[in-house]
Protein backbone atom coordinates (compact mmCIF):
# COMPACT_ATOMS: atom_id res chain seq x y z
CA MET A 1 106.59 -8.58 54.28
CA LYS A 2 107.31 -12.13 55.45
CA THR A 3 110.76 -11.94 53.88
CA ILE A 4 111.60 -8.77 55.79
CA VAL A 5 110.45 -10.29 59.08
CA TYR A 6 112.46 -13.42 58.37
CA LEU A 7 115.62 -11.44 57.59
CA LEU A 8 115.24 -9.26 60.68
CA THR A 9 114.75 -12.32 62.86
CA LEU A 10 117.83 -13.95 61.35
CA ALA A 11 119.91 -10.80 61.85
CA LEU A 12 118.77 -10.54 65.48
CA ALA A 13 119.65 -14.18 66.13
CA LEU A 14 123.12 -13.69 64.67
CA ALA A 15 123.69 -10.53 66.68
CA LEU A 16 122.67 -12.21 69.92
CA SER A 17 124.85 -15.25 69.31
CA GLY A 18 127.76 -12.97 68.51
CA CYS A 19 127.32 -11.10 71.78
CA ASN A 20 127.21 -14.34 73.70
CA THR A 21 130.40 -15.52 72.02
CA MET A 22 132.20 -12.26 72.76
CA ARG A 23 131.07 -12.44 76.38
CA GLY A 24 132.52 -15.93 76.71
CA LEU A 25 135.75 -14.80 75.09
CA GLY A 26 135.97 -11.90 77.52
CA GLN A 27 135.50 -14.21 80.48
CA ASP A 28 138.20 -16.57 79.20
CA LEU A 29 140.64 -13.70 78.74
CA GLN A 30 139.85 -12.41 82.21
CA LYS A 31 140.57 -15.82 83.77
CA ALA A 32 143.83 -16.08 81.84
CA GLY A 33 144.83 -12.61 83.03
CA GLU A 34 144.11 -13.55 86.63
CA LYS A 35 146.32 -16.63 86.35
CA ILE A 36 149.15 -14.60 84.83
CA GLU A 37 148.77 -11.99 87.57
CA GLY A 38 148.85 -14.73 90.22
CA ALA A 39 151.99 -16.20 88.72
CA ALA A 40 153.64 -12.79 88.62
CA LYS A 41 152.97 -12.24 92.33
CA LYS A 42 154.81 -15.43 93.31
């Protein structure tokens, strides 16, 4: 039982860290897109 709880906790931690990483990546891509769009308008 303890092993199952440990594995589920580990899986949840990995899933949450992955979401956070993807969110940061999305924000970086959005900022890059805004800069490209700004350069294209000039």
